[in-house]
C-alpha atoms as a PDB file:
ATOM      1  CA  UNK A   1     238.023 107.070  27.465  1.00  0.00           C
ATOM      2  CA  UNK A   2     235.787 106.560  24.431  1.00  0.00           C
ATOM      3  CA  UNK A   3     232.240 107.800  23.977  1.00  0.00           C
ATOM      4  CA  UNK A   4     230.780 104.361  24.730  1.00  0.00           C
ATOM      5  CA  UNK A   5     232.684 104.096  28.045  1.00  0.00           C
ATOM      6  CA  UNK A   6     231.766 107.689  28.943  1.00  0.00           C
ATOM      7  CA  UNK A   7     228.054 107.043  28.359  1.00  0.00           C
ATOM      8  CA  UNK A   8     228.238 103.808  30.366  1.00  0.00           C
ATOM      9  CA  UNK A   9     229.977 105.636  33.240  1.00  0.00           C
ATOM     10  CA  UNK A  10     227.287 108.360  33.256  1.00  0.00           C
ATOM     11  CA  UNK A  11     224.481 105.799  33.172  1.00  0.00           C
ATOM     12  CA  UNK A  12     226.110 103.847  35.988  1.00  0.00           C
ATOM     13  CA  UNK A  13     226.481 107.015  38.090  1.00  0.00           C
ATOM     14  CA  UNK A  14     222.848 107.970  37.430  1.00  0.00           C
ATOM     15  CA  UNK A  15     221.720 104.466  38.385  1.00  0.00           C
ATOM     16  CA  UNK A  16     223.655 104.680  41.642  1.00  0.00           C
ATOM     17  CA  UNK A  17     222.259 108.143  42.473  1.00  0.00           C
ATOM     18  CA  UNK A  18     218.662 107.198  41.670  1.00  0.00           C
ATOM     19  CA  UNK A  19     218.334 103.596  42.809  1.00  0.00           C
ATOM     20  CA  UNK A  20     220.992 102.662  45.348  1.00  0.00           C
ATOM     21  CA  UNK A  21     221.340 103.591  49.022  1.00  0.00           C
ATOM     22  CA  UNK A  22     224.040 106.005  50.147  1.00  0.00           C
ATOM     23  CA  UNK A  23     226.220 106.351  53.233  1.00  0.00           C
ATOM     24  CA  UNK A  24     227.441 109.866  53.893  1.00  0.00           C
ATOM     25  CA  UNK A  25     229.833 111.197  56.525  1.00  0.00           C
ATOM     26  CA  UNK A  26     228.481 114.676  57.247  1.00  0.00           C
ATOM     27  CA  UNK A  27     231.033 115.692  59.872  1.00  0.00           C
ATOM     28  CA  UNK A  28     233.965 114.480  61.954  1.00  0.00           C
ATOM     29  CA  UNK A  29     235.478 116.045  65.041  1.00  0.00           C
ATOM     30  CA  UNK A  30     238.342 115.069  67.326  1.00  0.00           C
ATOM     31  CA  UNK A  31     241.355 116.468  69.077  1.00  0.00           C
ATOM     32  CA  UNK A  32     242.367 120.068  69.511  1.00  0.00           C
ATOM     33  CA  UNK A  33     241.151 122.584  66.942  1.00  0.00           C
ATOM     34  CA  UNK A  34     241.727 125.889  68.765  1.00  0.00           C
ATOM     35  CA  UNK A  35     244.303 128.608  68.135  1.00  0.00           C
ATOM     36  CA  UNK A  36     247.956 127.661  67.885  1.00  0.00           C
ATOM     37  CA  UNK A  37     249.599 124.259  68.082  1.00  0.00           C
ATOM     38  CA  UNK A  38     249.052 121.567  70.671  1.00  0.00           C
ATOM     39  CA  UNK A  39     250.576 118.089  70.625  1.00  0.00           C
ATOM     40  CA  UNK A  40     247.893 115.793  71.967  1.00  0.00           C
ATOM     41  CA  UNK A  41     246.493 112.346  71.349  1.00  0.00           C
ATOM     42  CA  UNK A  42     242.703 112.682  71.174  1.00  0.00           C
ATOM     43  CA  UNK A  43     240.765 110.671  73.741  1.00  0.00           C
ATOM     44  CA  UNK A  44     237.597 110.599  71.671  1.00  0.00           C
ATOM     45  CA  UNK A  45     236.215 111.278  68.221  1.00  0.00           C
ATOM     46  CA  UNK A  46     232.717 111.936  66.971  1.00  0.00           C
ATOM     47  CA  UNK A  47     231.340 111.333  63.507  1.00  0.00           C
ATOM     48  CA  UNK A  48     227.920 112.303  62.165  1.00  0.00           C
ATOM     49  CA  UNK A  49     226.601 110.374  59.214  1.00  0.00           C
ATOM     50  CA  UNK A  50     223.435 109.740  57.311  1.00  0.00           C
ATOM     51  CA  UNK A  51     222.158 106.987  55.086  1.00  0.00           C
ATOM     52  CA  UNK A  52     219.710 107.469  52.265  1.00  0.00           C
ATOM     53  CA  UNK A  53     217.700 104.319  51.871  1.00  0.00           C
ATOM     54  CA  UNK A  54     215.816 102.943  48.892  1.00  0.00           C
ATOM     55  CA  UNK A  55     212.351 101.474  48.681  1.00  0.00           C
ATOM     56  CA  UNK A  56     211.694  98.369  50.802  1.00  0.00           C
ATOM     57  CA  UNK A  57     214.508  99.112  53.243  1.00  0.00           C
ATOM     58  CA  UNK A  58     213.470  99.511  56.885  1.00  0.00           C
ATOM     59  CA  UNK A  59     215.366 102.301  58.685  1.00  0.00           C
ATOM     60  CA  UNK A  60     215.218 100.503  62.058  1.00  0.00           C
ATOM     61  CA  UNK A  61     216.537  97.264  60.576  1.00  0.00           C
ATOM     62  CA  UNK A  62     219.339  99.060  58.717  1.00  0.00           C
ATOM     63  CA  UNK A  63     220.299 100.944  61.897  1.00  0.00           C
ATOM     64  CA  UNK A  64     220.439  97.723  63.936  1.00  0.00           C
ATOM     65  CA  UNK A  65     222.551  96.033  61.248  1.00  0.00           C
ATOM     66  CA  UNK A  66     224.933  99.003  61.157  1.00  0.00           C
ATOM     67  CA  UNK A  67     225.181  99.081  64.948  1.00  0.00           C
ATOM     68  CA  UNK A  68     225.916  95.329  65.056  1.00  0.00           C
ATOM     69  CA  UNK A  69     228.584  95.721  62.364  1.00  0.00           C
ATOM     70  CA  UNK A  70     230.329  98.518  64.281  1.00  0.00           C
ATOM     71  CA  UNK A  71     230.086  96.541  67.518  1.00  0.00           C
ATOM     72  CA  UNK A  72     231.681  93.510  65.877  1.00  0.00           C
ATOM     73  CA  UNK A  73     234.844  95.469  65.002  1.00  0.00           C
ATOM     74  CA  UNK A  74     234.846  98.162  67.715  1.00  0.00           C
ATOM     75  CA  UNK A  75     232.684  97.151  70.700  1.00  0.00           C
ATOM     76  CA  UNK A  76     233.613 100.288  72.669  1.00  0.00           C
ATOM     77  CA  UNK A  77     232.072 102.608  70.042  1.00  0.00           C
ATOM     78  CA  UNK A  78     228.663 104.092  70.874  1.00  0.00           C
ATOM     79  CA  UNK A  79     226.247 104.382  67.950  1.00  0.00           C
ATOM     80  CA  UNK A  80     223.283 106.706  68.498  1.00  0.00           C
ATOM     81  CA  UNK A  81     220.312 107.169  66.179  1.00  0.00           C
ATOM     82  CA  UNK A  82     219.235 110.803  65.882  1.00  0.00           C
ATOM     83  CA  UNK A  83     216.289 110.272  63.541  1.00  0.00           C
ATOM     84  CA  UNK A  84     214.927 108.224  60.686  1.00  0.00           C
ATOM     85  CA  UNK A  85     212.547 108.415  57.741  1.00  0.00           C
ATOM     86  CA  UNK A  86     211.280 105.510  55.701  1.00  0.00           C
ATOM     87  CA  UNK A  87     212.146 105.519  52.000  1.00  0.00           C
ATOM     88  CA  UNK A  88     209.423 106.031  49.427  1.00  0.00           C
ATOM     89  CA  UNK A  89     208.937 105.737  45.706  1.00  0.00           C
ATOM     90  CA  UNK A  90     206.003 106.462  43.411  1.00  0.00           C
ATOM     91  CA  UNK A  91     205.793 104.606  40.128  1.00  0.00           C
ATOM     92  CA  UNK A  92     206.069 106.825  37.054  1.00  0.00           C
ATOM     93  CA  UNK A  93     203.139 104.838  35.643  1.00  0.00           C
ATOM     94  CA  UNK A  94     200.549 106.770  37.667  1.00  0.00           C
ATOM     95  CA  UNK A  95     198.403 109.138  35.630  1.00  0.00           C
ATOM     96  CA  UNK A  96     199.070 111.898  38.172  1.00  0.00           C
ATOM     97  CA  UNK A  97     202.764 111.811  37.229  1.00  0.00           C
ATOM     98  CA  UNK A  98     201.852 112.624  33.623  1.00  0.00           C
ATOM     99  CA  UNK A  99     199.429 115.305  34.810  1.00  0.00           C
ATOM    100  CA  UNK A 100     202.200 116.912  36.875  1.00  0.00           C
ATOM    101  CA  UNK A 101     204.636 116.691  33.948  1.00  0.00           C
ATOM    102  CA  UNK A 102     202.147 118.433  31.635  1.00  0.00           C
ATOM    103  CA  UNK A 103     201.456 121.174  34.208  1.00  0.00           C
ATOM    104  CA  UNK A 104     205.199 121.685  34.633  1.00  0.00           C
ATOM    105  CA  UNK A 105     205.685 122.073  30.882  1.00  0.00           C
ATOM    106  CA  UNK A 106     202.885 124.637  30.708  1.00  0.00           C
ATOM    107  CA  UNK A 107     204.343 126.623  33.605  1.00  0.00           C
ATOM    108  CA  UNK A 108     208.023 126.585  32.646  1.00  0.00           C
ATOM    109  CA  UNK A 109     207.307 126.650  28.891  1.00  0.00           C
ATOM    110  CA  UNK A 110     209.860 123.975  28.116  1.00  0.00           C
ATOM    111  CA  UNK A 111     210.106 120.213  27.849  1.00  0.00           C
ATOM    112  CA  UNK A 112     210.301 118.411  31.168  1.00  0.00           C
ATOM    113  CA  UNK A 113     211.437 114.919  32.007  1.00  0.00           C
ATOM    114  CA  UNK A 114     210.706 112.447  34.761  1.00  0.00           C
ATOM    115  CA  UNK A 115     213.559 111.495  37.038  1.00  0.00           C
ATOM    116  CA  UNK A 116     212.660 108.089  38.479  1.00  0.00           C
ATOM    117  CA  UNK A 117     214.022 108.784  41.925  1.00  0.00           C
ATOM    118  CA  UNK A 118     215.453 111.636  43.927  1.00  0.00           C
ATOM    119  CA  UNK A 119     217.521 111.515  47.085  1.00  0.00           C
ATOM    120  CA  UNK A 120     216.230 113.625  49.906  1.00  0.00           C
ATOM    121  CA  UNK A 121     215.139 113.808  53.501  1.00  0.00           C
ATOM    122  CA  UNK A 122     211.408 114.140  53.104  1.00  0.00           C
ATOM    123  CA  UNK A 123     208.560 112.317  54.852  1.00  0.00           C
ATOM    124  CA  UNK A 124     207.075 111.098  51.538  1.00  0.00           C
ATOM    125  CA  UNK A 125     206.461 107.677  53.077  1.00  0.00           C
ATOM    126  CA  UNK A 126     203.491 109.239  54.888  1.00  0.00           C
ATOM    127  CA  UNK A 127     201.803 109.629  51.506  1.00  0.00           C
ATOM    128  CA  UNK A 128     202.953 106.470  49.762  1.00  0.00           C
ATOM    129  CA  UNK A 129     203.254 103.919  52.577  1.00  0.00           C
ATOM    130  CA  UNK A 130     200.673 105.117  55.104  1.00  0.00           C
ATOM    131  CA  UNK A 131     198.003 106.877  53.035  1.00  0.00           C
ATOM    132  CA  UNK A 132     198.623 104.748  49.916  1.00  0.00           C
ATOM    133  CA  UNK A 133     198.646 107.646  47.442  1.00  0.00           C
ATOM    134  CA  UNK A 134     201.324 108.802  44.990  1.00  0.00           C
ATOM    135  CA  UNK A 135     203.847 111.486  45.890  1.00  0.00           C
ATOM    136  CA  UNK A 136     205.440 113.536  43.126  1.00  0.00           C
ATOM    137  CA  UNK A 137     208.170 116.124  43.671  1.00  0.00           C
ATOM    138  CA  UNK A 138     208.810 118.953  41.228  1.00  0.00           C
ATOM    139  CA  UNK A 139     212.122 120.705  41.906  1.00  0.00           C
ATOM    140  CA  UNK A 140     211.973 124.309  40.692  1.00  0.00           C
ATOM    141  CA  UNK A 141     215.643 125.121  41.195  1.00  0.00           C
ATOM    142  CA  UNK A 142     218.122 125.773  38.440  1.00  0.00           C
ATOM    143  CA  UNK A 143     220.671 123.075  37.595  1.00  0.00           C
ATOM    144  CA  UNK A 144     223.536 125.042  39.172  1.00  0.00           C
ATOM    145  CA  UNK A 145     221.653 125.830  42.397  1.00  0.00           C
ATOM    146  CA  UNK A 146     224.331 124.315  44.682  1.00  0.00           C
ATOM    147  CA  UNK A 147     221.679 122.774  46.933  1.00  0.00           C
ATOM    148  CA  UNK A 148     222.538 122.841  50.675  1.00  0.00           C
ATOM    149  CA  UNK A 149     225.930 124.443  50.084  1.00  0.00           C
ATOM    150  CA  UNK A 150     227.280 127.897  51.013  1.00  0.00           C
ATOM    151  CA  UNK A 151     226.428 129.316  47.586  1.00  0.00           C
ATOM    152  CA  UNK A 152     222.922 127.856  47.273  1.00  0.00           C
ATOM    153  CA  UNK A 153     220.867 129.963  44.881  1.00  0.00           C
ATOM    154  CA  UNK A 154     217.599 130.084  42.977  1.00  0.00           C
ATOM    155  CA  UNK A 155     216.912 132.009  39.791  1.00  0.00           C
ATOM    156  CA  UNK A 156     214.064 134.403  40.627  1.00  0.00           C
ATOM    157  CA  UNK A 157     212.168 133.464  37.447  1.00  0.00           C
ATOM    158  CA  UNK A 158     212.180 129.815  38.608  1.00  0.00           C
ATOM    159  CA  UNK A 159     210.640 130.926  41.911  1.00  0.00           C
ATOM    160  CA  UNK A 160     207.700 132.609  40.172  1.00  0.00           C
ATOM    161  CA  UNK A 161     207.281 129.822  37.626  1.00  0.00           C
ATOM    162  CA  UNK A 162     207.353 127.354  40.539  1.00  0.00           C
ATOM    163  CA  UNK A 163     204.404 129.157  42.137  1.00  0.00           C
ATOM    164  CA  UNK A 164     202.561 129.055  38.806  1.00  0.00           C
ATOM    165  CA  UNK A 165     203.427 125.366  38.433  1.00  0.00           C
ATOM    166  CA  UNK A 166     202.041 124.548  41.888  1.00  0.00           C
ATOM    167  CA  UNK A 167     198.788 126.304  40.942  1.00  0.00           C
ATOM    168  CA  UNK A 168     198.667 124.461  37.594  1.00  0.00           C
ATOM    169  CA  UNK A 169     199.215 121.089  39.306  1.00  0.00           C
ATOM    170  CA  UNK A 170     196.525 121.802  41.903  1.00  0.00           C
ATOM    171  CA  UNK A 171     194.077 122.928  39.212  1.00  0.00           C
ATOM    172  CA  UNK A 172     194.718 119.853  37.040  1.00  0.00           C
ATOM    173  CA  UNK A 173     194.573 117.444  39.987  1.00  0.00           C
ATOM    174  CA  UNK A 174     191.342 119.009  41.263  1.00  0.00           C
ATOM    175  CA  UNK A 175     189.687 118.183  37.939  1.00  0.00           C
ATOM    176  CA  UNK A 176     190.575 114.474  38.267  1.00  0.00           C
ATOM    177  CA  UNK A 177     188.611 111.867  40.166  1.00  0.00           C
ATOM    178  CA  UNK A 178     190.368 109.821  42.840  1.00  0.00           C
ATOM    179  CA  UNK A 179     190.289 106.830  40.485  1.00  0.00           C
ATOM    180  CA  UNK A 180     191.937 108.892  37.725  1.00  0.00           C
ATOM    181  CA  UNK A 181     194.624 110.136  40.139  1.00  0.00           C
ATOM    182  CA  UNK A 182     195.449 106.567  41.157  1.00  0.00           C
ATOM    183  CA  UNK A 183     195.085 105.092  37.662  1.00  0.00           C
ATOM    184  CA  UNK A 184     198.195 103.456  36.277  1.00  0.00           C
ATOM    185  CA  UNK A 185     199.088 103.869  32.609  1.00  0.00           C
ATOM    186  CA  UNK A 186     200.317 100.979  30.522  1.00  0.00           C
ATOM    187  CA  UNK A 187     202.707 103.112  28.468  1.00  0.00           C
ATOM    188  CA  UNK A 188     204.856 106.087  29.385  1.00  0.00           C
ATOM    189  CA  UNK A 189     204.883 109.317  27.380  1.00  0.00           C
END
């Protein structure tokens, strides 16, 4: 694979991670899993899954569509919704995004960048869709943090700089008027 193809593949993967919905099978159980061997044909199976939605997708509508799709091919399957959160996105054009970026650079003493979207299970829609204000997330973890895995970790220095960063963001935001916080910029830094 050449450099051009490699760059395209990375950009395509980044686009998928940042801007497209996901469907994840979190767990699957069936049959006998105890000690020793047992020759059985399982009578049931259970799968737990989650979907990460993107802006303008309605969790209830997506669930009903998924349930109808499963029913079409396997009408005896029961699909149960455990929970849902609406997707959310804040435009990088808000002045507050630049204010947060600057505060992050001061705190971590290195150049920061804006990632346009981040997958997660957070109720950000409360801020963006209900209250109508921007929501900006600043992850403080190191790149090799192994988020949500058995070896999840955080560099202690990042923890302390994260506290400083939160204080810096609050200080900077407190010095802005509501209009300045909600102001959109015409160019990005």
